[in-house]
Amino acid sequence: MLYKNAAKQIKLLRIQNGLTQGQLAKAIGVTEKYISIVENNYRKPSLVFYRDVANYFKVSFDFLFIDSSQNKNCLKK
């Protein structure tokens, strides 16, 4: 369940920041295909991947694992 929440959070953060999967992939050093795989919950990434995503979006590590429906107000800029 936590990984599904993280996949949703990553996609939500990416979209709210106006990034394509390719742009996010390039920024954190992975492939566009890998971002797609993660966002569609086909693979559970390493903790290093989650750390890199959290650092890129300047959110806490645990923020990625919280249900996105509970965080709608947290993502507004």
N, C-alpha and C. Protein backbone atom coordinates (compact mmCIF):
# COMPACT_ATOMS: atom_id res chain seq x y z
N MET A 1 0.82 -1.20 0.00
CA MET A 1 0.00 0.00 0.00
C MET A 1 0.86 1.26 0.00
N LEU A 2 1.93 1.24 0.78
CA LEU A 2 2.79 2.43 0.84
C LEU A 2 3.40 2.75 -0.51
N TYR A 3 3.78 1.71 -1.26
CA TYR A 3 4.39 1.95 -2.56
C TYR A 3 3.38 2.53 -3.55
N LYS A 4 2.12 2.11 -3.45
CA LYS A 4 1.08 2.67 -4.30
C LYS A 4 0.90 4.16 -4.00
N ASN A 5 0.92 4.50 -2.71
CA ASN A 5 0.81 5.91 -2.33
C ASN A 5 1.99 6.70 -2.88
N ALA A 6 3.18 6.13 -2.79
CA ALA A 6 4.37 6.83 -3.28
C ALA A 6 4.28 7.05 -4.79
N ALA A 7 3.79 6.05 -5.51
CA ALA A 7 3.65 6.20 -6.96
C ALA A 7 2.70 7.34 -7.29
N LYS A 8 1.59 7.42 -6.57
CA LYS A 8 0.62 8.50 -6.78
C LYS A 8 1.22 9.85 -6.43
N GLN A 9 1.94 9.91 -5.32
CA GLN A 9 2.54 11.17 -4.88
C GLN A 9 3.57 11.68 -5.88
N ILE A 10 4.39 10.77 -6.39
CA ILE A 10 5.42 11.18 -7.35
C ILE A 10 4.76 11.75 -8.60
N LYS A 11 3.75 11.06 -9.10
CA LYS A 11 3.06 11.55 -10.29
C LYS A 11 2.39 12.90 -10.03
N LEU A 12 1.76 13.03 -8.88
CA LEU A 12 1.09 14.27 -8.52
C LEU A 12 2.10 15.42 -8.41
N LEU A 13 3.21 15.19 -7.75
CA LEU A 13 4.25 16.21 -7.64
C LEU A 13 4.79 16.60 -9.01
N ARG A 14 5.04 15.61 -9.84
CA ARG A 14 5.57 15.86 -11.18
C ARG A 14 4.61 16.73 -11.99
N ILE A 15 3.33 16.37 -11.98
CA ILE A 15 2.34 17.11 -12.75
C ILE A 15 2.15 18.52 -12.20
N GLN A 16 2.07 18.64 -10.88
CA GLN A 16 1.88 19.96 -10.29
C GLN A 16 3.06 20.89 -10.53
N ASN A 17 4.22 20.30 -10.77
CA ASN A 17 5.40 21.11 -11.06
C ASN A 17 5.64 21.27 -12.56
N GLY A 18 4.67 20.81 -13.36
CA GLY A 18 4.74 21.00 -14.80
C GLY A 18 5.85 20.24 -15.49
N LEU A 19 6.20 19.08 -14.97
CA LEU A 19 7.28 18.30 -15.55
C LEU A 19 6.75 17.10 -16.31
N THR A 20 7.45 16.75 -17.38
CA THR A 20 7.16 15.50 -18.06
C THR A 20 7.93 14.39 -17.34
N GLN A 21 7.60 13.15 -17.66
CA GLN A 21 8.35 12.04 -17.08
C GLN A 21 9.82 12.14 -17.50
N GLY A 22 10.05 12.55 -18.73
CA GLY A 22 11.42 12.69 -19.22
C GLY A 22 12.21 13.74 -18.47
N GLN A 23 11.58 14.86 -18.18
CA GLN A 23 12.27 15.93 -17.46
C GLN A 23 12.63 15.49 -16.04
N LEU A 24 11.69 14.83 -15.37
CA LEU A 24 11.98 14.34 -14.01
C LEU A 24 13.07 13.29 -14.06
N ALA A 25 12.98 12.39 -15.01
CA ALA A 25 13.98 11.34 -15.14
C ALA A 25 15.38 11.93 -15.30
N LYS A 26 15.50 12.90 -16.18
CA LYS A 26 16.80 13.53 -16.43
C LYS A 26 17.31 14.22 -15.16
N ALA A 27 16.41 14.87 -14.44
CA ALA A 27 16.81 15.61 -13.23
C ALA A 27 17.34 14.71 -12.13
N ILE A 28 16.82 13.48 -12.04
CA ILE A 28 17.26 12.60 -10.95
C ILE A 28 18.13 11.45 -11.43
N GLY A 29 18.43 11.41 -12.73
CA GLY A 29 19.39 10.43 -13.24
C GLY A 29 18.85 9.03 -13.52
N VAL A 30 17.61 8.95 -13.95
CA VAL A 30 17.04 7.67 -14.36
C VAL A 30 16.43 7.84 -15.74
N THR A 31 15.87 6.77 -16.28
CA THR A 31 15.26 6.86 -17.61
C THR A 31 13.79 7.25 -17.49
N GLU A 32 13.27 7.79 -18.58
CA GLU A 32 11.85 8.12 -18.65
C GLU A 32 11.00 6.86 -18.44
N LYS A 33 11.45 5.77 -19.01
CA LYS A 33 10.73 4.50 -18.86
C LYS A 33 10.66 4.09 -17.39
N TYR A 34 11.74 4.31 -16.65
CA TYR A 34 11.75 3.95 -15.23
C TYR A 34 10.72 4.78 -14.46
N ILE A 35 10.62 6.06 -14.75
CA ILE A 35 9.62 6.91 -14.10
C ILE A 35 8.23 6.36 -14.39
N SER A 36 7.97 5.99 -15.63
CA SER A 36 6.68 5.42 -16.00
C SER A 36 6.40 4.13 -15.23
N ILE A 37 7.39 3.29 -15.13
CA ILE A 37 7.24 2.02 -14.40
C ILE A 37 6.90 2.29 -12.95
N VAL A 38 7.57 3.24 -12.34
CA VAL A 38 7.32 3.57 -10.93
C VAL A 38 5.93 4.18 -10.76
N GLU A 39 5.59 5.16 -11.60
CA GLU A 39 4.29 5.81 -11.48
C GLU A 39 3.13 4.86 -11.71
N ASN A 40 3.33 3.85 -12.52
CA ASN A 40 2.28 2.87 -12.78
C ASN A 40 2.36 1.67 -11.84
N ASN A 41 3.24 1.77 -10.87
CA ASN A 41 3.37 0.79 -9.79
C ASN A 41 3.72 -0.61 -10.29
N TYR A 42 4.56 -0.67 -11.32
CA TYR A 42 5.02 -1.96 -11.83
C TYR A 42 6.27 -2.44 -11.11
N ARG A 43 6.96 -1.53 -10.44
CA ARG A 43 8.18 -1.88 -9.73
C ARG A 43 8.30 -1.04 -8.47
N LYS A 44 8.88 -1.64 -7.44
CA LYS A 44 9.16 -0.91 -6.21
C LYS A 44 10.60 -0.41 -6.28
N PRO A 45 10.77 0.90 -6.36
CA PRO A 45 12.13 1.45 -6.47
C PRO A 45 12.92 1.33 -5.18
N SER A 46 14.18 1.63 -5.29
CA SER A 46 15.05 1.63 -4.12
C SER A 46 14.77 2.85 -3.25
N LEU A 47 15.24 2.80 -2.04
CA LEU A 47 15.10 3.95 -1.14
C LEU A 47 15.90 5.14 -1.67
N VAL A 48 16.97 4.86 -2.37
CA VAL A 48 17.78 5.94 -2.96
C VAL A 48 16.95 6.71 -3.98
N PHE A 49 16.17 6.01 -4.78
CA PHE A 49 15.29 6.66 -5.75
C PHE A 49 14.32 7.59 -5.03
N TYR A 50 13.67 7.08 -3.98
CA TYR A 50 12.72 7.91 -3.23
C TYR A 50 13.42 9.12 -2.61
N ARG A 51 14.62 8.92 -2.10
CA ARG A 51 15.38 10.04 -1.53
C ARG A 51 15.64 11.09 -2.59
N ASP A 52 16.06 10.65 -3.77
CA ASP A 52 16.35 11.59 -4.85
C ASP A 52 15.11 12.37 -5.27
N VAL A 53 13.97 11.70 -5.35
CA VAL A 53 12.71 12.36 -5.70
C VAL A 53 12.33 13.37 -4.62
N ALA A 54 12.41 12.96 -3.36
CA ALA A 54 12.07 13.86 -2.26
C ALA A 54 12.98 15.09 -2.26
N ASN A 55 14.25 14.87 -2.47
CA ASN A 55 15.20 15.99 -2.51
C ASN A 55 14.91 16.92 -3.68
N TYR A 56 14.59 16.36 -4.83
CA TYR A 56 14.32 17.17 -6.01
C TYR A 56 13.10 18.08 -5.78
N PHE A 57 12.04 17.50 -5.21
CA PHE A 57 10.82 18.28 -5.00
C PHE A 57 10.81 19.02 -3.66
N LYS A 58 11.89 18.87 -2.89
CA LYS A 58 12.01 19.55 -1.59
C LYS A 58 10.83 19.20 -0.67
N VAL A 59 10.54 17.90 -0.59
CA VAL A 59 9.53 17.39 0.33
C VAL A 59 10.21 16.37 1.24
N SER A 60 9.58 16.08 2.36
CA SER A 60 10.17 15.08 3.25
C SER A 60 10.02 13.70 2.64
N PHE A 61 10.91 12.82 3.01
CA PHE A 61 10.91 11.45 2.52
C PHE A 61 9.56 10.78 2.81
N ASP A 62 9.07 10.95 4.01
CA ASP A 62 7.81 10.29 4.38
C ASP A 62 6.60 10.88 3.66
N PHE A 63 6.71 12.10 3.16
CA PHE A 63 5.62 12.72 2.40
C PHE A 63 5.23 11.87 1.20
N LEU A 64 6.22 11.22 0.60
CA LEU A 64 5.97 10.40 -0.58
C LEU A 64 5.06 9.20 -0.28
N PHE A 65 5.04 8.76 0.96
CA PHE A 65 4.30 7.55 1.30
C PHE A 65 2.93 7.82 1.92
N ILE A 66 2.55 9.09 2.00
CA ILE A 66 1.25 9.45 2.56
C ILE A 66 0.22 9.46 1.45
N ASP A 67 -0.98 9.02 1.75
CA ASP A 67 -2.06 8.97 0.77
C ASP A 67 -2.28 10.36 0.17
N SER A 68 -2.19 10.46 -1.14
CA SER A 68 -2.29 11.75 -1.81
C SER A 68 -3.63 12.43 -1.61
N SER A 69 -4.68 11.66 -1.37
CA SER A 69 -5.99 12.27 -1.16
C SER A 69 -6.03 13.06 0.16
N GLN A 70 -5.12 12.76 1.07
CA GLN A 70 -5.05 13.48 2.34
C GLN A 70 -4.16 14.71 2.24
N ASN A 71 -3.45 14.87 1.14
CA ASN A 71 -2.44 15.92 1.02
C ASN A 71 -2.74 16.97 -0.03
N LYS A 72 -3.94 17.08 -0.49
CA LYS A 72 -4.23 18.02 -1.57
C LYS A 72 -3.81 19.44 -1.22
N ASN A 73 -4.03 19.85 0.01
CA ASN A 73 -3.67 21.21 0.42
C ASN A 73 -2.18 21.37 0.63
N CYS A 74 -1.46 20.28 0.91
CA CYS A 74 -0.04 20.36 1.15
C CYS A 74 0.75 20.66 -0.11
N LEU A 75 0.19 20.35 -1.27
CA LEU A 75 0.92 20.50 -2.51
C LEU A 75 0.69 21.84 -3.19
N LYS A 76 -0.20 22.65 -2.68
CA LYS A 76 -0.44 23.96 -3.28
C LYS A 76 0.72 24.88 -2.99
N LYS A 77 1.10 25.63 -4.00
CA LYS A 77 2.25 26.54 -3.82
C LYS A 77 1.80 27.93 -3.49
